[in-house]
Amino acid sequence: MAARFLVISFQRSGLNWLRYCTEYFTGVRTPGRKQIIAEGSVFFDRAHDVQRKPGRSDYTGLYDASGAEIYERVALLLRNPYDCFTSHYLGRAGITFRKGLEQFEAYAVNIIKFDALKEARKRVFFFEDFINNEEGTLGFLSFFGIDPSARLYNFSEMIEASRAWYHGHHGLFVERERPELKTKERTAIARMLKRQLGQKVEHYLGRYLFEDPFPSPPNT
């Protein structure tokens, strides 16, 4: 049976951590490189860019041939756009800032398409609220009906195991080596997001782009 749940997550937005936790507590595979569970149907589908079919996922779109929404529950993971851009694009061979910015429009499109869903139960999860954070992580699991109390766990050990898996696949990246955005590049990213999202920009990204953070996550 096809998954009826979806996680929309631009690259480097914390999905691998949530995949690990989902597999740990459910014993069901999640889409992507093998973490704990290697075979079987997936607990949820994933999309880094809702307009494209990703590798290692059964996701084909948000709507079926009749135009009806496919997914019953949809989570949107959001990370600070400057950190997300830096982590995914800066320092990569063959990727100029301009090319990266064009591709980064998918970050805004994900928000637009998520916002347009009318039937699905939806919730936004912010990176800093759940990454290696027990309360935020349990909130994500609860949204998809996962009960962590059904299995004993050591949260600190889970963090270390997840980090070891990530480093094994992506290598270590020392913070002092991480490139930094120039002021004009940050301005260009903010301008693109504000142009794409219009009035929705403060609702979803106010905590990152404005001095006064939006008071609460845009959950629906």
N, C-alpha and C. Protein backbone atom coordinates (compact mmCIF):
# COMPACT_ATOMS: atom_id res chain seq x y z
N MET A 1 0.85 -1.19 0.00
CA MET A 1 0.00 0.00 0.00
C MET A 1 0.88 1.24 0.00
N ALA A 2 0.54 2.22 -0.79
CA ALA A 2 1.31 3.45 -0.86
C ALA A 2 1.17 4.24 0.43
N ALA A 3 2.23 4.92 0.82
CA ALA A 3 2.20 5.73 2.03
C ALA A 3 1.19 6.86 1.87
N ARG A 4 0.46 7.15 2.95
CA ARG A 4 -0.51 8.24 2.93
C ARG A 4 0.02 9.46 3.67
N PHE A 5 1.28 9.37 4.12
CA PHE A 5 1.91 10.48 4.81
C PHE A 5 3.05 11.01 3.95
N LEU A 6 3.34 12.30 4.08
CA LEU A 6 4.41 12.91 3.30
C LEU A 6 5.20 13.89 4.17
N VAL A 7 6.52 13.90 3.97
CA VAL A 7 7.38 14.90 4.59
C VAL A 7 8.05 15.69 3.46
N ILE A 8 7.80 17.00 3.46
CA ILE A 8 8.44 17.91 2.50
C ILE A 8 9.62 18.54 3.20
N SER A 9 10.80 18.35 2.63
CA SER A 9 12.01 18.80 3.32
C SER A 9 13.08 19.13 2.29
N PHE A 10 13.39 20.43 2.13
CA PHE A 10 14.51 20.79 1.27
C PHE A 10 15.77 20.17 1.86
N GLN A 11 16.77 19.91 1.01
CA GLN A 11 17.99 19.26 1.47
C GLN A 11 18.59 19.99 2.67
N ARG A 12 19.17 19.20 3.57
CA ARG A 12 19.85 19.69 4.77
C ARG A 12 18.90 20.36 5.75
N SER A 13 17.69 19.83 5.85
CA SER A 13 16.70 20.41 6.76
C SER A 13 16.38 19.50 7.94
N GLY A 14 17.17 18.45 8.15
CA GLY A 14 17.00 17.62 9.33
C GLY A 14 16.22 16.34 9.14
N LEU A 15 15.90 15.99 7.90
CA LEU A 15 15.06 14.81 7.67
C LEU A 15 15.76 13.52 8.09
N ASN A 16 17.06 13.40 7.89
CA ASN A 16 17.74 12.15 8.23
C ASN A 16 17.59 11.81 9.71
N TRP A 17 17.64 12.82 10.57
CA TRP A 17 17.44 12.58 12.00
C TRP A 17 16.02 12.05 12.26
N LEU A 18 15.03 12.66 11.64
CA LEU A 18 13.65 12.23 11.85
C LEU A 18 13.38 10.88 11.21
N ARG A 19 14.06 10.57 10.12
CA ARG A 19 13.96 9.24 9.53
C ARG A 19 14.48 8.20 10.51
N TYR A 20 15.63 8.47 11.10
CA TYR A 20 16.21 7.52 12.06
C TYR A 20 15.24 7.25 13.20
N CYS A 21 14.68 8.32 13.76
CA CYS A 21 13.76 8.16 14.89
C CYS A 21 12.49 7.42 14.48
N THR A 22 11.99 7.71 13.30
CA THR A 22 10.79 7.02 12.81
C THR A 22 11.04 5.53 12.67
N GLU A 23 12.16 5.16 12.07
CA GLU A 23 12.47 3.74 11.91
C GLU A 23 12.71 3.07 13.25
N TYR A 24 13.35 3.78 14.17
CA TYR A 24 13.64 3.20 15.49
C TYR A 24 12.35 2.84 16.22
N PHE A 25 11.37 3.72 16.17
CA PHE A 25 10.16 3.50 16.95
C PHE A 25 9.08 2.70 16.23
N THR A 26 9.13 2.64 14.91
CA THR A 26 8.08 1.92 14.18
C THR A 26 8.55 0.59 13.61
N GLY A 27 9.85 0.46 13.35
CA GLY A 27 10.34 -0.73 12.67
C GLY A 27 9.97 -0.76 11.21
N VAL A 28 9.61 0.40 10.67
CA VAL A 28 9.19 0.52 9.27
C VAL A 28 10.18 1.40 8.53
N ARG A 29 10.51 1.01 7.32
CA ARG A 29 11.48 1.74 6.50
C ARG A 29 10.98 3.13 6.14
N THR A 30 11.93 4.06 5.95
CA THR A 30 11.63 5.38 5.41
C THR A 30 12.45 5.56 4.13
N PRO A 31 12.00 6.43 3.21
CA PRO A 31 12.69 6.56 1.92
C PRO A 31 14.04 7.25 2.05
N GLY A 32 15.02 6.73 1.31
CA GLY A 32 16.37 7.28 1.34
C GLY A 32 17.37 6.17 1.57
N ARG A 33 18.62 6.57 1.81
CA ARG A 33 19.65 5.58 2.09
C ARG A 33 19.30 4.78 3.35
N LYS A 34 19.68 3.52 3.34
CA LYS A 34 19.34 2.65 4.46
C LYS A 34 19.86 3.23 5.78
N GLN A 35 18.97 3.24 6.77
CA GLN A 35 19.38 3.61 8.12
C GLN A 35 19.28 2.38 9.03
N ILE A 36 18.09 2.10 9.56
CA ILE A 36 17.92 0.93 10.42
C ILE A 36 17.22 -0.19 9.67
N ILE A 37 16.17 0.14 8.93
CA ILE A 37 15.35 -0.85 8.24
C ILE A 37 15.68 -0.83 6.75
N ALA A 38 15.98 -2.00 6.19
CA ALA A 38 16.45 -2.06 4.81
C ALA A 38 15.34 -2.37 3.81
N GLU A 39 14.29 -3.06 4.21
CA GLU A 39 13.31 -3.53 3.25
C GLU A 39 11.89 -3.24 3.75
N GLY A 40 10.96 -3.37 2.80
CA GLY A 40 9.55 -3.20 3.15
C GLY A 40 8.99 -1.88 2.66
N SER A 41 7.71 -1.72 2.86
CA SER A 41 7.05 -0.48 2.47
C SER A 41 7.54 0.66 3.35
N VAL A 42 7.32 1.89 2.93
CA VAL A 42 7.80 3.04 3.69
C VAL A 42 6.70 3.61 4.57
N PHE A 43 7.11 4.21 5.69
CA PHE A 43 6.15 4.80 6.61
C PHE A 43 5.58 6.10 6.06
N PHE A 44 6.44 6.88 5.42
CA PHE A 44 5.98 8.10 4.75
C PHE A 44 6.80 8.30 3.48
N ASP A 45 6.25 9.07 2.56
CA ASP A 45 7.01 9.50 1.39
C ASP A 45 7.76 10.77 1.73
N ARG A 46 8.73 11.14 0.89
CA ARG A 46 9.47 12.38 1.12
C ARG A 46 9.62 13.11 -0.20
N ALA A 47 9.77 14.42 -0.12
CA ALA A 47 10.02 15.24 -1.30
C ALA A 47 10.95 16.38 -0.90
N HIS A 48 12.11 16.46 -1.55
CA HIS A 48 13.00 17.62 -1.35
C HIS A 48 12.50 18.80 -2.17
N ASP A 49 11.92 18.49 -3.31
CA ASP A 49 11.36 19.50 -4.23
C ASP A 49 10.03 18.92 -4.71
N VAL A 50 8.92 19.52 -4.30
CA VAL A 50 7.61 18.94 -4.60
C VAL A 50 7.30 18.91 -6.10
N GLN A 51 8.07 19.63 -6.89
CA GLN A 51 7.84 19.64 -8.34
C GLN A 51 8.64 18.57 -9.07
N ARG A 52 9.45 17.83 -8.34
CA ARG A 52 10.29 16.80 -8.96
C ARG A 52 10.16 15.48 -8.20
N LYS A 53 10.27 14.37 -8.95
CA LYS A 53 10.26 13.06 -8.32
C LYS A 53 11.67 12.76 -7.80
N PRO A 54 11.82 12.55 -6.50
CA PRO A 54 13.15 12.30 -5.94
C PRO A 54 13.59 10.85 -6.14
N GLY A 55 14.90 10.63 -6.04
CA GLY A 55 15.41 9.27 -6.05
C GLY A 55 15.09 8.60 -4.72
N ARG A 56 15.01 7.30 -4.73
CA ARG A 56 14.76 6.51 -3.51
C ARG A 56 13.48 6.94 -2.79
N SER A 57 12.44 7.27 -3.56
CA SER A 57 11.15 7.63 -2.97
C SER A 57 10.05 7.33 -3.98
N ASP A 58 8.87 7.00 -3.46
CA ASP A 58 7.73 6.72 -4.33
C ASP A 58 6.91 7.97 -4.63
N TYR A 59 7.35 9.11 -4.13
CA TYR A 59 6.61 10.36 -4.34
C TYR A 59 6.53 10.69 -5.82
N THR A 60 5.32 11.01 -6.30
CA THR A 60 5.12 11.42 -7.70
C THR A 60 4.41 12.76 -7.82
N GLY A 61 3.87 13.26 -6.71
CA GLY A 61 3.17 14.53 -6.74
C GLY A 61 2.20 14.63 -5.58
N LEU A 62 1.61 15.80 -5.44
CA LEU A 62 0.68 16.04 -4.34
C LEU A 62 -0.76 15.67 -4.67
N TYR A 63 -1.05 15.51 -5.97
CA TYR A 63 -2.42 15.27 -6.40
C TYR A 63 -2.47 14.05 -7.33
N ASP A 64 -3.60 13.35 -7.34
CA ASP A 64 -3.75 12.23 -8.26
C ASP A 64 -4.30 12.72 -9.60
N ALA A 65 -4.61 11.79 -10.49
CA ALA A 65 -5.03 12.16 -11.85
C ALA A 65 -6.33 12.96 -11.86
N SER A 66 -7.15 12.77 -10.83
CA SER A 66 -8.43 13.49 -10.77
C SER A 66 -8.29 14.88 -10.16
N GLY A 67 -7.09 15.18 -9.63
CA GLY A 67 -6.87 16.46 -8.98
C GLY A 67 -7.07 16.43 -7.48
N ALA A 68 -7.39 15.25 -6.94
CA ALA A 68 -7.58 15.11 -5.50
C ALA A 68 -6.23 15.00 -4.79
N GLU A 69 -6.16 15.51 -3.57
CA GLU A 69 -4.94 15.40 -2.79
C GLU A 69 -4.66 13.93 -2.44
N ILE A 70 -3.41 13.54 -2.51
CA ILE A 70 -3.02 12.16 -2.26
C ILE A 70 -2.81 11.89 -0.77
N TYR A 71 -2.23 12.84 -0.05
CA TYR A 71 -1.75 12.56 1.30
C TYR A 71 -2.71 13.04 2.38
N GLU A 72 -2.82 12.21 3.42
CA GLU A 72 -3.69 12.53 4.56
C GLU A 72 -3.01 13.47 5.54
N ARG A 73 -1.72 13.28 5.73
CA ARG A 73 -0.95 14.14 6.63
C ARG A 73 0.33 14.57 5.92
N VAL A 74 0.67 15.85 6.06
CA VAL A 74 1.86 16.39 5.40
C VAL A 74 2.62 17.26 6.39
N ALA A 75 3.90 16.95 6.58
CA ALA A 75 4.78 17.74 7.43
C ALA A 75 5.74 18.53 6.54
N LEU A 76 5.96 19.78 6.87
CA LEU A 76 6.93 20.62 6.17
C LEU A 76 8.06 20.95 7.14
N LEU A 77 9.28 20.56 6.79
CA LEU A 77 10.45 20.89 7.61
C LEU A 77 11.08 22.17 7.08
N LEU A 78 11.31 23.12 7.96
CA LEU A 78 11.92 24.39 7.56
C LEU A 78 13.16 24.67 8.41
N ARG A 79 14.25 24.97 7.71
CA ARG A 79 15.49 25.39 8.35
C ARG A 79 15.78 26.82 7.93
N ASN A 80 16.50 27.56 8.77
CA ASN A 80 16.91 28.90 8.40
C ASN A 80 17.41 28.88 6.95
N PRO A 81 16.81 29.68 6.06
CA PRO A 81 17.18 29.59 4.64
C PRO A 81 18.64 29.91 4.36
N TYR A 82 19.24 30.79 5.15
CA TYR A 82 20.66 31.10 4.94
C TYR A 82 21.53 29.89 5.29
N ASP A 83 21.23 29.23 6.41
CA ASP A 83 21.97 28.03 6.80
C ASP A 83 21.74 26.90 5.81
N CYS A 84 20.49 26.78 5.35
CA CYS A 84 20.14 25.73 4.40
C CYS A 84 20.91 25.91 3.09
N PHE A 85 20.92 27.14 2.60
CA PHE A 85 21.63 27.44 1.35
C PHE A 85 23.13 27.19 1.52
N THR A 86 23.69 27.68 2.62
CA THR A 86 25.12 27.52 2.87
C THR A 86 25.50 26.04 2.93
N SER A 87 24.73 25.28 3.66
CA SER A 87 25.03 23.86 3.84
C SER A 87 24.93 23.07 2.55
N HIS A 88 23.97 23.42 1.70
CA HIS A 88 23.73 22.62 0.51
C HIS A 88 24.51 23.07 -0.71
N TYR A 89 24.78 24.37 -0.83
CA TYR A 89 25.36 24.88 -2.08
C TYR A 89 26.79 25.42 -1.95
N LEU A 90 27.08 26.21 -0.92
CA LEU A 90 28.38 26.85 -0.87
C LEU A 90 29.51 25.84 -0.74
N GLY A 91 30.54 26.04 -1.53
CA GLY A 91 31.68 25.15 -1.49
C GLY A 91 31.59 23.95 -2.40
N ARG A 92 30.44 23.75 -3.04
CA ARG A 92 30.30 22.62 -3.97
C ARG A 92 30.90 22.97 -5.32
N ALA A 93 31.66 22.05 -5.87
CA ALA A 93 32.30 22.28 -7.17
C ALA A 93 31.25 22.47 -8.26
N GLY A 94 31.45 23.48 -9.09
CA GLY A 94 30.57 23.69 -10.23
C GLY A 94 29.28 24.42 -9.91
N ILE A 95 29.08 24.85 -8.67
CA ILE A 95 27.87 25.55 -8.29
C ILE A 95 28.22 27.00 -7.95
N THR A 96 27.83 27.92 -8.82
CA THR A 96 28.01 29.33 -8.53
C THR A 96 26.86 29.80 -7.64
N PHE A 97 27.03 30.96 -7.03
CA PHE A 97 25.95 31.47 -6.20
C PHE A 97 24.69 31.68 -7.03
N ARG A 98 24.83 32.22 -8.21
CA ARG A 98 23.65 32.49 -9.06
C ARG A 98 22.92 31.20 -9.40
N LYS A 99 23.68 30.16 -9.76
CA LYS A 99 23.05 28.88 -10.08
C LYS A 99 22.38 28.29 -8.85
N GLY A 100 23.05 28.39 -7.71
CA GLY A 100 22.46 27.87 -6.48
C GLY A 100 21.18 28.61 -6.11
N LEU A 101 21.18 29.92 -6.33
CA LEU A 101 19.99 30.71 -6.00
C LEU A 101 18.81 30.31 -6.88
N GLU A 102 19.07 30.04 -8.15
CA GLU A 102 18.00 29.60 -9.05
C GLU A 102 17.41 28.28 -8.55
N GLN A 103 18.27 27.35 -8.17
CA GLN A 103 17.80 26.06 -7.69
C GLN A 103 17.11 26.19 -6.33
N PHE A 104 17.53 27.17 -5.55
CA PHE A 104 16.98 27.35 -4.20
C PHE A 104 15.56 27.89 -4.23
N GLU A 105 15.08 28.27 -5.39
CA GLU A 105 13.68 28.68 -5.48
C GLU A 105 12.75 27.52 -5.11
N ALA A 106 13.26 26.29 -5.20
CA ALA A 106 12.46 25.13 -4.78
C ALA A 106 12.10 25.21 -3.31
N TYR A 107 12.94 25.84 -2.50
CA TYR A 107 12.66 26.03 -1.07
C TYR A 107 11.37 26.82 -0.90
N ALA A 108 11.23 27.89 -1.69
CA ALA A 108 10.02 28.71 -1.63
C ALA A 108 8.82 27.98 -2.23
N VAL A 109 9.04 27.26 -3.33
CA VAL A 109 7.94 26.53 -3.96
C VAL A 109 7.37 25.48 -3.03
N ASN A 110 8.23 24.83 -2.26
CA ASN A 110 7.74 23.84 -1.29
C ASN A 110 6.75 24.48 -0.32
N ILE A 111 7.06 25.67 0.14
CA ILE A 111 6.17 26.37 1.07
C ILE A 111 4.86 26.72 0.39
N ILE A 112 4.93 27.24 -0.84
CA ILE A 112 3.73 27.63 -1.58
C ILE A 112 2.80 26.44 -1.80
N LYS A 113 3.37 25.32 -2.21
CA LYS A 113 2.56 24.14 -2.49
C LYS A 113 1.99 23.53 -1.21
N PHE A 114 2.77 23.56 -0.14
CA PHE A 114 2.29 23.09 1.16
C PHE A 114 1.13 23.96 1.62
N ASP A 115 1.29 25.25 1.50
CA ASP A 115 0.26 26.18 1.95
C ASP A 115 -1.05 25.99 1.18
N ALA A 116 -0.95 25.57 -0.08
CA ALA A 116 -2.13 25.43 -0.94
C ALA A 116 -2.95 24.18 -0.64
N LEU A 117 -2.38 23.21 0.09
CA LEU A 117 -3.12 22.00 0.41
C LEU A 117 -4.31 22.33 1.30
N LYS A 118 -5.47 21.79 0.96
CA LYS A 118 -6.71 22.12 1.68
C LYS A 118 -7.26 20.97 2.52
N GLU A 119 -7.03 19.74 2.08
CA GLU A 119 -7.66 18.60 2.74
C GLU A 119 -6.75 17.92 3.76
N ALA A 120 -5.47 17.93 3.51
CA ALA A 120 -4.55 17.21 4.39
C ALA A 120 -4.42 17.88 5.75
N ARG A 121 -4.13 17.07 6.74
CA ARG A 121 -3.73 17.61 8.04
C ARG A 121 -2.27 18.02 7.90
N LYS A 122 -1.95 19.27 8.26
CA LYS A 122 -0.62 19.80 7.98
C LYS A 122 0.02 20.35 9.26
N ARG A 123 1.35 20.32 9.26
CA ARG A 123 2.09 20.96 10.35
C ARG A 123 3.50 21.30 9.89
N VAL A 124 3.99 22.44 10.35
CA VAL A 124 5.35 22.87 10.08
C VAL A 124 6.23 22.53 11.27
N PHE A 125 7.43 22.01 10.99
CA PHE A 125 8.41 21.70 12.02
C PHE A 125 9.70 22.45 11.70
N PHE A 126 10.13 23.32 12.63
CA PHE A 126 11.33 24.11 12.42
C PHE A 126 12.56 23.37 12.92
N PHE A 127 13.60 23.39 12.12
CA PHE A 127 14.83 22.66 12.34
C PHE A 127 15.35 22.80 13.77
N GLU A 128 15.47 24.03 14.25
CA GLU A 128 16.06 24.26 15.57
C GLU A 128 15.15 23.80 16.70
N ASP A 129 13.89 23.53 16.40
CA ASP A 129 12.96 23.06 17.43
C ASP A 129 13.00 21.54 17.60
N PHE A 130 13.49 20.82 16.57
CA PHE A 130 13.47 19.36 16.69
C PHE A 130 14.83 18.69 16.57
N ILE A 131 15.81 19.33 15.94
CA ILE A 131 17.07 18.63 15.70
C ILE A 131 17.76 18.34 17.04
N ASN A 132 17.95 17.09 17.34
CA ASN A 132 18.57 16.65 18.59
C ASN A 132 17.83 17.20 19.81
N ASN A 133 16.55 17.48 19.64
CA ASN A 133 15.72 18.01 20.72
C ASN A 133 14.59 17.02 20.97
N GLU A 134 14.54 16.49 22.19
CA GLU A 134 13.60 15.41 22.46
C GLU A 134 12.15 15.86 22.31
N GLU A 135 11.79 16.99 22.89
CA GLU A 135 10.40 17.43 22.83
C GLU A 135 9.95 17.68 21.40
N GLY A 136 10.79 18.36 20.63
CA GLY A 136 10.43 18.64 19.24
C GLY A 136 10.36 17.38 18.39
N THR A 137 11.29 16.45 18.63
CA THR A 137 11.28 15.19 17.89
C THR A 137 10.04 14.38 18.21
N LEU A 138 9.69 14.31 19.47
CA LEU A 138 8.49 13.57 19.85
C LEU A 138 7.24 14.22 19.27
N GLY A 139 7.26 15.53 19.10
CA GLY A 139 6.13 16.21 18.48
C GLY A 139 5.95 15.80 17.04
N PHE A 140 7.07 15.64 16.32
CA PHE A 140 7.01 15.15 14.93
C PHE A 140 6.44 13.74 14.90
N LEU A 141 6.95 12.87 15.75
CA LEU A 141 6.48 11.48 15.77
C LEU A 141 4.99 11.42 16.11
N SER A 142 4.58 12.21 17.07
CA SER A 142 3.18 12.23 17.47
C SER A 142 2.28 12.67 16.33
N PHE A 143 2.74 13.62 15.53
CA PHE A 143 1.94 14.10 14.41
C PHE A 143 1.58 12.95 13.47
N PHE A 144 2.48 11.99 13.34
CA PHE A 144 2.23 10.85 12.47
C PHE A 144 1.71 9.63 13.24
N GLY A 145 1.26 9.84 14.45
CA GLY A 145 0.64 8.77 15.22
C GLY A 145 1.59 7.77 15.80
N ILE A 146 2.86 8.13 15.97
CA ILE A 146 3.86 7.23 16.53
C ILE A 146 3.96 7.45 18.03
N ASP A 147 3.88 6.36 18.81
CA ASP A 147 3.92 6.45 20.26
C ASP A 147 5.29 5.96 20.76
N PRO A 148 6.20 6.86 21.10
CA PRO A 148 7.54 6.45 21.55
C PRO A 148 7.53 5.69 22.87
N SER A 149 6.47 5.82 23.66
CA SER A 149 6.43 5.16 24.96
C SER A 149 6.32 3.64 24.82
N ALA A 150 6.05 3.18 23.62
CA ALA A 150 5.91 1.75 23.39
C ALA A 150 7.26 1.03 23.37
N ARG A 151 8.37 1.81 23.36
CA ARG A 151 9.69 1.20 23.32
C ARG A 151 10.65 1.99 24.18
N LEU A 152 11.48 1.30 24.94
CA LEU A 152 12.50 1.98 25.73
C LEU A 152 13.51 2.64 24.82
N TYR A 153 13.99 3.79 25.22
CA TYR A 153 14.99 4.46 24.40
C TYR A 153 15.87 5.36 25.25
N ASN A 154 17.09 5.59 24.76
CA ASN A 154 18.01 6.54 25.35
C ASN A 154 18.26 7.61 24.30
N PHE A 155 17.73 8.81 24.53
CA PHE A 155 17.76 9.83 23.50
C PHE A 155 19.18 10.22 23.13
N SER A 156 20.06 10.32 24.10
CA SER A 156 21.45 10.70 23.82
C SER A 156 22.13 9.65 22.94
N GLU A 157 21.85 8.38 23.21
CA GLU A 157 22.44 7.32 22.39
C GLU A 157 21.88 7.34 20.98
N MET A 158 20.61 7.69 20.84
CA MET A 158 20.02 7.80 19.51
C MET A 158 20.68 8.92 18.71
N ILE A 159 20.96 10.03 19.37
CA ILE A 159 21.64 11.15 18.70
C ILE A 159 23.00 10.71 18.18
N GLU A 160 23.76 10.02 19.03
CA GLU A 160 25.09 9.58 18.64
C GLU A 160 25.03 8.57 17.49
N ALA A 161 24.07 7.67 17.53
CA ALA A 161 23.93 6.68 16.46
C ALA A 161 23.56 7.35 15.14
N SER A 162 22.68 8.33 15.20
CA SER A 162 22.27 9.04 14.00
C SER A 162 23.44 9.84 13.42
N ARG A 163 24.21 10.48 14.29
CA ARG A 163 25.37 11.25 13.84
C ARG A 163 26.40 10.35 13.18
N ALA A 164 26.61 9.17 13.77
CA ALA A 164 27.58 8.23 13.21
C ALA A 164 27.15 7.80 11.82
N TRP A 165 25.84 7.54 11.65
CA TRP A 165 25.33 7.17 10.33
C TRP A 165 25.56 8.31 9.34
N TYR A 166 25.25 9.53 9.75
CA TYR A 166 25.37 10.69 8.86
C TYR A 166 26.83 10.92 8.46
N HIS A 167 27.72 10.86 9.42
CA HIS A 167 29.14 11.06 9.12
C HIS A 167 29.67 9.96 8.22
N GLY A 168 29.15 8.76 8.37
CA GLY A 168 29.58 7.66 7.52
C GLY A 168 29.19 7.84 6.06
N HIS A 169 28.08 8.56 5.83
CA HIS A 169 27.61 8.77 4.47
C HIS A 169 28.02 10.11 3.88
N HIS A 170 28.19 11.11 4.74
CA HIS A 170 28.47 12.46 4.24
C HIS A 170 29.82 13.00 4.68
N GLY A 171 30.48 12.30 5.58
CA GLY A 171 31.77 12.77 6.06
C GLY A 171 31.63 13.88 7.10
N LEU A 172 32.75 14.23 7.70
CA LEU A 172 32.78 15.29 8.70
C LEU A 172 32.99 16.62 8.01
N PHE A 173 32.31 17.65 8.52
CA PHE A 173 32.47 18.99 7.96
C PHE A 173 32.72 19.94 9.12
N VAL A 174 33.96 20.37 9.25
CA VAL A 174 34.35 21.21 10.38
C VAL A 174 33.72 22.58 10.24
N GLU A 175 33.16 23.08 11.33
CA GLU A 175 32.46 24.35 11.29
C GLU A 175 33.34 25.48 10.76
N ARG A 176 34.61 25.52 11.16
CA ARG A 176 35.46 26.61 10.74
C ARG A 176 35.72 26.58 9.23
N GLU A 177 35.46 25.44 8.59
CA GLU A 177 35.67 25.32 7.15
C GLU A 177 34.42 25.68 6.36
N ARG A 178 33.30 25.85 7.06
CA ARG A 178 32.05 26.12 6.36
C ARG A 178 32.07 27.51 5.75
N PRO A 179 31.81 27.62 4.46
CA PRO A 179 31.78 28.95 3.83
C PRO A 179 30.69 29.82 4.44
N GLU A 180 30.85 31.12 4.31
CA GLU A 180 29.87 32.06 4.82
C GLU A 180 29.30 32.90 3.69
N LEU A 181 28.03 33.23 3.80
CA LEU A 181 27.39 34.08 2.82
C LEU A 181 27.85 35.52 2.98
N LYS A 182 28.04 36.18 1.86
CA LYS A 182 28.33 37.61 1.88
C LYS A 182 27.02 38.36 2.12
N THR A 183 27.13 39.58 2.58
CA THR A 183 25.94 40.37 2.86
C THR A 183 25.05 40.49 1.63
N LYS A 184 25.63 40.73 0.48
CA LYS A 184 24.84 40.89 -0.73
C LYS A 184 24.17 39.58 -1.13
N GLU A 185 24.79 38.45 -0.78
CA GLU A 185 24.18 37.15 -1.08
C GLU A 185 23.00 36.88 -0.16
N ARG A 186 23.14 37.22 1.11
CA ARG A 186 22.01 37.08 2.03
C ARG A 186 20.84 37.96 1.57
N THR A 187 21.16 39.15 1.11
CA THR A 187 20.13 40.06 0.61
C THR A 187 19.42 39.47 -0.59
N ALA A 188 20.18 38.85 -1.49
CA ALA A 188 19.60 38.26 -2.69
C ALA A 188 18.68 37.09 -2.33
N ILE A 189 19.08 36.28 -1.36
CA ILE A 189 18.24 35.17 -0.93
C ILE A 189 16.94 35.68 -0.31
N ALA A 190 17.06 36.67 0.57
CA ALA A 190 15.87 37.23 1.21
C ALA A 190 14.94 37.85 0.17
N ARG A 191 15.51 38.55 -0.80
CA ARG A 191 14.70 39.19 -1.83
C ARG A 191 13.94 38.14 -2.65
N MET A 192 14.61 37.04 -2.99
CA MET A 192 13.96 35.98 -3.76
C MET A 192 12.80 35.38 -2.97
N LEU A 193 13.03 35.10 -1.69
CA LEU A 193 11.99 34.48 -0.87
C LEU A 193 10.79 35.40 -0.70
N LYS A 194 11.06 36.68 -0.49
CA LYS A 194 9.96 37.63 -0.33
C LYS A 194 9.18 37.79 -1.63
N ARG A 195 9.89 37.75 -2.76
CA ARG A 195 9.21 37.86 -4.05
C ARG A 195 8.34 36.63 -4.31
N GLN A 196 8.87 35.47 -4.01
CA GLN A 196 8.14 34.23 -4.28
C GLN A 196 6.96 34.03 -3.33
N LEU A 197 7.15 34.36 -2.07
CA LEU A 197 6.14 34.04 -1.06
C LEU A 197 5.17 35.18 -0.79
N GLY A 198 5.53 36.40 -1.14
CA GLY A 198 4.63 37.52 -0.91
C GLY A 198 4.27 37.65 0.57
N GLN A 199 2.99 37.76 0.85
CA GLN A 199 2.54 37.94 2.23
C GLN A 199 2.76 36.71 3.10
N LYS A 200 3.00 35.57 2.48
CA LYS A 200 3.22 34.34 3.25
C LYS A 200 4.60 34.30 3.90
N VAL A 201 5.51 35.18 3.47
CA VAL A 201 6.90 35.08 3.93
C VAL A 201 7.01 35.26 5.44
N GLU A 202 6.28 36.19 6.01
CA GLU A 202 6.38 36.39 7.46
C GLU A 202 5.73 35.24 8.21
N HIS A 203 4.66 34.71 7.65
CA HIS A 203 3.95 33.60 8.29
C HIS A 203 4.86 32.39 8.47
N TYR A 204 5.65 32.09 7.44
CA TYR A 204 6.50 30.90 7.48
C TYR A 204 7.94 31.18 7.88
N LEU A 205 8.47 32.32 7.49
CA LEU A 205 9.90 32.58 7.67
C LEU A 205 10.20 33.81 8.51
N GLY A 206 9.20 34.32 9.20
CA GLY A 206 9.39 35.52 9.99
C GLY A 206 10.48 35.38 11.03
N ARG A 207 10.62 34.21 11.63
CA ARG A 207 11.64 34.01 12.67
C ARG A 207 13.05 34.10 12.10
N TYR A 208 13.19 33.96 10.78
CA TYR A 208 14.51 34.00 10.16
C TYR A 208 14.81 35.32 9.44
N LEU A 209 13.82 35.92 8.83
CA LEU A 209 14.05 37.07 7.96
C LEU A 209 13.70 38.41 8.59
N PHE A 210 13.06 38.39 9.75
CA PHE A 210 12.65 39.63 10.37
C PHE A 210 13.16 39.69 11.81
N GLU A 211 13.29 40.88 12.35
CA GLU A 211 13.82 41.05 13.70
C GLU A 211 12.87 40.48 14.75
N ASP A 212 11.58 40.67 14.56
CA ASP A 212 10.59 40.16 15.50
C ASP A 212 10.04 38.84 14.96
N PRO A 213 10.40 37.71 15.53
CA PRO A 213 9.94 36.41 15.03
C PRO A 213 8.43 36.30 15.06
N PHE A 214 7.89 35.58 14.10
CA PHE A 214 6.46 35.26 14.12
C PHE A 214 6.18 34.47 15.38
N PRO A 215 5.15 34.82 16.14
CA PRO A 215 4.98 34.26 17.48
C PRO A 215 4.72 32.77 17.57
N SER A 216 4.22 32.13 16.54
CA SER A 216 3.92 30.70 16.65
C SER A 216 4.04 30.03 15.30
N PRO A 217 4.38 28.71 15.29
CA PRO A 217 4.49 27.98 14.02
C PRO A 217 3.16 27.98 13.28
N PRO A 218 3.20 28.05 11.94
CA PRO A 218 1.97 28.08 11.15
C PRO A 218 1.38 26.70 10.99
N ASN A 219 0.80 26.15 12.03
CA ASN A 219 0.21 24.82 11.98
C ASN A 219 -1.24 24.91 11.56
N THR A 220 -1.68 23.95 10.79
CA THR A 220 -3.07 23.93 10.35
C THR A 220 -3.63 22.53 10.52
